[in-house]
Amino acid sequence: MSENTATAEDPVTGEEITLPADLEVGEILDSPVSGAELEVVSTEPVTLEEAPELEEDWGE
């Protein structure tokens, strides 16, 4: 692992995945393993959760 990458556990598969080190809390990214959308919930240590499904509100 270099200074430009970080590792975290894919919450869907449990596998270790390599991510860019400049992640920000709230960032959404695609898992290279499962393809699921993941949300960064912590950066120290890097913790991921499945991103919530976006619901359309149609401006209401």
PDB file of N, CA and C in Angstrom:
ATOM      1  N   MET A   1       0.847  -1.184   0.000  1.00  0.00           N
ATOM      2  CA  MET A   1       0.000   0.000   0.000  1.00  0.00           C
ATOM      3  C   MET A   1       0.889   1.243   0.000  1.00  0.00           C
ATOM      4  N   SER A   2       0.573   2.194  -0.838  1.00  0.00           N
ATOM      5  CA  SER A   2       1.366   3.412  -0.913  1.00  0.00           C
ATOM      6  C   SER A   2       0.658   4.541  -0.171  1.00  0.00           C
ATOM      7  N   GLU A   3       1.298   5.716  -0.148  1.00  0.00           N
ATOM      8  CA  GLU A   3       0.693   6.872   0.512  1.00  0.00           C
ATOM      9  C   GLU A   3      -0.537   7.363  -0.232  1.00  0.00           C
ATOM     10  N   ASN A   4      -0.712   6.968  -1.505  1.00  0.00           N
ATOM     11  CA  ASN A   4      -1.823   7.448  -2.326  1.00  0.00           C
ATOM     12  C   ASN A   4      -3.037   6.535  -2.273  1.00  0.00           C
ATOM     13  N   THR A   5      -2.949   5.451  -1.514  1.00  0.00           N
ATOM     14  CA  THR A   5      -4.077   4.523  -1.430  1.00  0.00           C
ATOM     15  C   THR A   5      -4.375   4.168   0.022  1.00  0.00           C
ATOM     16  N   ALA A   6      -5.581   3.679   0.231  1.00  0.00           N
ATOM     17  CA  ALA A   6      -6.024   3.199   1.533  1.00  0.00           C
ATOM     18  C   ALA A   6      -6.754   1.886   1.285  1.00  0.00           C
ATOM     19  N   THR A   7      -6.922   1.092   2.315  1.00  0.00           N
ATOM     20  CA  THR A   7      -7.695  -0.134   2.169  1.00  0.00           C
ATOM     21  C   THR A   7      -8.871  -0.098   3.136  1.00  0.00           C
ATOM     22  N   ALA A   8      -9.926  -0.786   2.754  1.00  0.00           N
ATOM     23  CA  ALA A   8     -11.118  -0.883   3.593  1.00  0.00           C
ATOM     24  C   ALA A   8     -11.821  -2.178   3.242  1.00  0.00           C
ATOM     25  N   GLU A   9     -12.730  -2.599   4.110  1.00  0.00           N
ATOM     26  CA  GLU A   9     -13.504  -3.810   3.861  1.00  0.00           C
ATOM     27  C   GLU A   9     -14.768  -3.462   3.097  1.00  0.00           C
ATOM     28  N   ASP A  10     -15.003  -4.195   2.009  1.00  0.00           N
ATOM     29  CA  ASP A  10     -16.251  -4.051   1.255  1.00  0.00           C
ATOM     30  C   ASP A  10     -17.366  -4.617   2.142  1.00  0.00           C
ATOM     31  N   PRO A  11     -18.347  -3.794   2.543  1.00  0.00           N
ATOM     32  CA  PRO A  11     -19.392  -4.281   3.453  1.00  0.00           C
ATOM     33  C   PRO A  11     -20.318  -5.314   2.818  1.00  0.00           C
ATOM     34  N   VAL A  12     -20.295  -5.430   1.496  1.00  0.00           N
ATOM     35  CA  VAL A  12     -21.152  -6.400   0.808  1.00  0.00           C
ATOM     36  C   VAL A  12     -20.491  -7.768   0.783  1.00  0.00           C
ATOM     37  N   THR A  13     -19.196  -7.811   0.438  1.00  0.00           N
ATOM     38  CA  THR A  13     -18.508  -9.091   0.267  1.00  0.00           C
ATOM     39  C   THR A  13     -17.566  -9.434   1.408  1.00  0.00           C
ATOM     40  N   GLY A  14     -17.158  -8.430   2.200  1.00  0.00           N
ATOM     41  CA  GLY A  14     -16.200  -8.661   3.270  1.00  0.00           C
ATOM     42  C   GLY A  14     -14.760  -8.682   2.779  1.00  0.00           C
ATOM     43  N   GLU A  15     -14.546  -8.470   1.479  1.00  0.00           N
ATOM     44  CA  GLU A  15     -13.190  -8.479   0.930  1.00  0.00           C
ATOM     45  C   GLU A  15     -12.507  -7.142   1.153  1.00  0.00           C
ATOM     46  N   GLU A  16     -11.181  -7.199   1.274  1.00  0.00           N
ATOM     47  CA  GLU A  16     -10.380  -5.977   1.403  1.00  0.00           C
ATOM     48  C   GLU A  16     -10.262  -5.335   0.026  1.00  0.00           C
ATOM     49  N   ILE A  17     -10.551  -4.040  -0.062  1.00  0.00           N
ATOM     50  CA  ILE A  17     -10.440  -3.328  -1.338  1.00  0.00           C
ATOM     51  C   ILE A  17      -9.493  -2.146  -1.183  1.00  0.00           C
ATOM     52  N   THR A  18      -8.845  -1.768  -2.275  1.00  0.00           N
ATOM     53  CA  THR A  18      -7.921  -0.643  -2.290  1.00  0.00           C
ATOM     54  C   THR A  18      -8.640   0.574  -2.854  1.00  0.00           C
ATOM     55  N   LEU A  19      -8.488   1.701  -2.173  1.00  0.00           N
ATOM     56  CA  LEU A  19      -9.185   2.934  -2.526  1.00  0.00           C
ATOM     57  C   LEU A  19      -8.199   4.090  -2.561  1.00  0.00           C
ATOM     58  N   PRO A  20      -8.558   5.198  -3.216  1.00  0.00           N
ATOM     59  CA  PRO A  20      -7.706   6.394  -3.158  1.00  0.00           C
ATOM     60  C   PRO A  20      -7.613   6.899  -1.718  1.00  0.00           C
ATOM     61  N   ALA A  21      -6.472   7.445  -1.334  1.00  0.00           N
ATOM     62  CA  ALA A  21      -6.268   7.904   0.047  1.00  0.00           C
ATOM     63  C   ALA A  21      -6.991   9.206   0.350  1.00  0.00           C
ATOM     64  N   ASP A  22      -7.393   9.945  -0.678  1.00  0.00           N
ATOM     65  CA  ASP A  22      -8.003  11.261  -0.452  1.00  0.00           C
ATOM     66  C   ASP A  22      -9.529  11.208  -0.347  1.00  0.00           C
ATOM     67  N   LEU A  23     -10.040  10.148   0.258  1.00  0.00           N
ATOM     68  CA  LEU A  23     -11.483  10.008   0.430  1.00  0.00           C
ATOM     69  C   LEU A  23     -12.013  11.027   1.428  1.00  0.00           C
ATOM     70  N   GLU A  24     -13.288  11.397   1.244  1.00  0.00           N
ATOM     71  CA  GLU A  24     -13.942  12.309   2.176  1.00  0.00           C
ATOM     72  C   GLU A  24     -15.207  11.634   2.703  1.00  0.00           C
ATOM     73  N   VAL A  25     -15.552  11.916   3.952  1.00  0.00           N
ATOM     74  CA  VAL A  25     -16.773  11.373   4.542  1.00  0.00           C
ATOM     75  C   VAL A  25     -17.957  11.824   3.694  1.00  0.00           C
ATOM     76  N   GLY A  26     -18.846  10.900   3.397  1.00  0.00           N
ATOM     77  CA  GLY A  26     -20.023  11.202   2.587  1.00  0.00           C
ATOM     78  C   GLY A  26     -19.826  10.906   1.111  1.00  0.00           C
ATOM     79  N   GLU A  27     -18.576  10.631   0.715  1.00  0.00           N
ATOM     80  CA  GLU A  27     -18.287  10.336  -0.685  1.00  0.00           C
ATOM     81  C   GLU A  27     -18.895   8.985  -1.073  1.00  0.00           C
ATOM     82  N   ILE A  28     -19.435   8.916  -2.284  1.00  0.00           N
ATOM     83  CA  ILE A  28     -20.009   7.681  -2.804  1.00  0.00           C
ATOM     84  C   ILE A  28     -19.059   7.144  -3.872  1.00  0.00           C
ATOM     85  N   LEU A  29     -18.777   5.849  -3.793  1.00  0.00           N
ATOM     86  CA  LEU A  29     -17.913   5.228  -4.792  1.00  0.00           C
ATOM     87  C   LEU A  29     -18.421   3.840  -5.117  1.00  0.00           C
ATOM     88  N   ASP A  30     -17.975   3.314  -6.258  1.00  0.00           N
ATOM     89  CA  ASP A  30     -18.364   1.969  -6.669  1.00  0.00           C
ATOM     90  C   ASP A  30     -17.320   0.980  -6.191  1.00  0.00           C
ATOM     91  N   SER A  31     -17.774  -0.121  -5.602  1.00  0.00           N
ATOM     92  CA  SER A  31     -16.857  -1.155  -5.156  1.00  0.00           C
ATOM     93  C   SER A  31     -16.252  -1.863  -6.360  1.00  0.00           C
ATOM     94  N   PRO A  32     -14.923  -2.004  -6.390  1.00  0.00           N
ATOM     95  CA  PRO A  32     -14.292  -2.745  -7.489  1.00  0.00           C
ATOM     96  C   PRO A  32     -14.561  -4.243  -7.404  1.00  0.00           C
ATOM     97  N   VAL A  33     -15.055  -4.718  -6.260  1.00  0.00           N
ATOM     98  CA  VAL A  33     -15.322  -6.144  -6.075  1.00  0.00           C
ATOM     99  C   VAL A  33     -16.782  -6.486  -6.371  1.00  0.00           C
ATOM    100  N   SER A  34     -17.701  -5.801  -5.678  1.00  0.00           N
ATOM    101  CA  SER A  34     -19.119  -6.149  -5.790  1.00  0.00           C
ATOM    102  C   SER A  34     -19.876  -5.264  -6.773  1.00  0.00           C
ATOM    103  N   GLY A  35     -19.311  -4.097  -7.115  1.00  0.00           N
ATOM    104  CA  GLY A  35     -20.002  -3.169  -8.003  1.00  0.00           C
ATOM    105  C   GLY A  35     -21.057  -2.343  -7.288  1.00  0.00           C
ATOM    106  N   ALA A  36     -21.235  -2.593  -5.989  1.00  0.00           N
ATOM    107  CA  ALA A  36     -22.236  -1.860  -5.212  1.00  0.00           C
ATOM    108  C   ALA A  36     -21.761  -0.437  -4.961  1.00  0.00           C
ATOM    109  N   GLU A  37     -22.712   0.494  -4.807  1.00  0.00           N
ATOM    110  CA  GLU A  37     -22.365   1.855  -4.426  1.00  0.00           C
ATOM    111  C   GLU A  37     -22.119   1.870  -2.921  1.00  0.00           C
ATOM    112  N   LEU A  38     -20.961   2.412  -2.527  1.00  0.00           N
ATOM    113  CA  LEU A  38     -20.578   2.457  -1.125  1.00  0.00           C
ATOM    114  C   LEU A  38     -20.388   3.899  -0.690  1.00  0.00           C
ATOM    115  N   GLU A  39     -20.731   4.169   0.564  1.00  0.00           N
ATOM    116  CA  GLU A  39     -20.564   5.510   1.128  1.00  0.00           C
ATOM    117  C   GLU A  39     -19.450   5.468   2.169  1.00  0.00           C
ATOM    118  N   VAL A  40     -18.567   6.460   2.125  1.00  0.00           N
ATOM    119  CA  VAL A  40     -17.506   6.588   3.117  1.00  0.00           C
ATOM    120  C   VAL A  40     -18.139   7.189   4.375  1.00  0.00           C
ATOM    121  N   VAL A  41     -18.114   6.444   5.483  1.00  0.00           N
ATOM    122  CA  VAL A  41     -18.701   6.936   6.727  1.00  0.00           C
ATOM    123  C   VAL A  41     -17.631   7.373   7.725  1.00  0.00           C
ATOM    124  N   SER A  42     -16.382   7.009   7.473  1.00  0.00           N
ATOM    125  CA  SER A  42     -15.269   7.416   8.323  1.00  0.00           C
ATOM    126  C   SER A  42     -13.986   7.332   7.507  1.00  0.00           C
ATOM    127  N   THR A  43     -13.033   8.211   7.796  1.00  0.00           N
ATOM    128  CA  THR A  43     -11.751   8.161   7.102  1.00  0.00           C
ATOM    129  C   THR A  43     -10.611   7.706   8.002  1.00  0.00           C
ATOM    130  N   GLU A  44     -10.813   7.646   9.305  1.00  0.00           N
ATOM    131  CA  GLU A  44      -9.776   7.195  10.244  1.00  0.00           C
ATOM    132  C   GLU A  44     -10.369   6.224  11.241  1.00  0.00           C
ATOM    133  N   PRO A  45     -10.378   4.935  11.009  1.00  0.00           N
ATOM    134  CA  PRO A  45      -9.955   4.257   9.781  1.00  0.00           C
ATOM    135  C   PRO A  45     -11.031   4.388   8.703  1.00  0.00           C
ATOM    136  N   VAL A  46     -10.665   4.051   7.470  1.00  0.00           N
ATOM    137  CA  VAL A  46     -11.631   4.112   6.373  1.00  0.00           C
ATOM    138  C   VAL A  46     -12.708   3.066   6.631  1.00  0.00           C
ATOM    139  N   THR A  47     -13.956   3.521   6.714  1.00  0.00           N
ATOM    140  CA  THR A  47     -15.095   2.636   6.951  1.00  0.00           C
ATOM    141  C   THR A  47     -16.135   2.913   5.880  1.00  0.00           C
ATOM    142  N   LEU A  48     -16.637   1.842   5.290  1.00  0.00           N
ATOM    143  CA  LEU A  48     -17.624   1.957   4.218  1.00  0.00           C
ATOM    144  C   LEU A  48     -18.923   1.295   4.617  1.00  0.00           C
ATOM    145  N   GLU A  49     -20.033   1.818   4.080  1.00  0.00           N
ATOM    146  CA  GLU A  49     -21.350   1.192   4.211  1.00  0.00           C
ATOM    147  C   GLU A  49     -21.999   1.233   2.844  1.00  0.00           C
ATOM    148  N   GLU A  50     -22.967   0.339   2.634  1.00  0.00           N
ATOM    149  CA  GLU A  50     -23.714   0.413   1.377  1.00  0.00           C
ATOM    150  C   GLU A  50     -24.422   1.755   1.319  1.00  0.00           C
ATOM    151  N   ALA A  51     -24.327   2.425   0.179  1.00  0.00           N
ATOM    152  CA  ALA A  51     -24.972   3.726   0.021  1.00  0.00           C
ATOM    153  C   ALA A  51     -26.481   3.531   0.003  1.00  0.00           C
ATOM    154  N   PRO A  52     -27.218   4.431   0.641  1.00  0.00           N
ATOM    155  CA  PRO A  52     -28.685   4.319   0.611  1.00  0.00           C
ATOM    156  C   PRO A  52     -29.202   4.555  -0.798  1.00  0.00           C
ATOM    157  N   GLU A  53     -30.280   3.879  -1.128  1.00  0.00           N
ATOM    158  CA  GLU A  53     -30.905   4.098  -2.430  1.00  0.00           C
ATOM    159  C   GLU A  53     -31.489   5.498  -2.448  1.00  0.00           C
ATOM    160  N   LEU A  54     -31.234   6.211  -3.512  1.00  0.00           N
ATOM    161  CA  LEU A  54     -31.782   7.565  -3.641  1.00  0.00           C
ATOM    162  C   LEU A  54     -33.241   7.479  -4.056  1.00  0.00           C
ATOM    163  N   GLU A  55     -34.085   8.228  -3.371  1.00  0.00           N
ATOM    164  CA  GLU A  55     -35.497   8.274  -3.712  1.00  0.00           C
ATOM    165  C   GLU A  55     -35.808   9.607  -4.348  1.00  0.00           C
ATOM    166  N   GLU A  56     -36.593   9.573  -5.389  1.00  0.00           N
ATOM    167  CA  GLU A  56     -36.971  10.818  -6.052  1.00  0.00           C
ATOM    168  C   GLU A  56     -38.051  11.508  -5.233  1.00  0.00           C
ATOM    169  N   ASP A  57     -37.883  12.822  -5.045  1.00  0.00           N
ATOM    170  CA  ASP A  57     -38.897  13.547  -4.279  1.00  0.00           C
ATOM    171  C   ASP A  57     -39.722  14.468  -5.162  1.00  0.00           C
ATOM    172  N   TRP A  58     -39.340  14.567  -6.415  1.00  0.00           N
ATOM    173  CA  TRP A  58     -40.083  15.372  -7.397  1.00  0.00           C
ATOM    174  C   TRP A  58     -40.333  16.795  -6.905  1.00  0.00           C
ATOM    175  N   GLY A  59     -39.390  17.315  -6.078  1.00  0.00           N
ATOM    176  CA  GLY A  59     -39.485  18.703  -5.645  1.00  0.00           C
ATOM    177  C   GLY A  59     -40.565  18.967  -4.612  1.00  0.00           C
ATOM    178  N   GLU A  60     -41.070  17.921  -3.999  1.00  0.00           N
ATOM    179  CA  GLU A  60     -42.142  18.119  -3.019  1.00  0.00           C
ATOM    180  C   GLU A  60     -41.589  18.369  -1.649  1.00  0.00           C
TER     181      GLU A  60
END
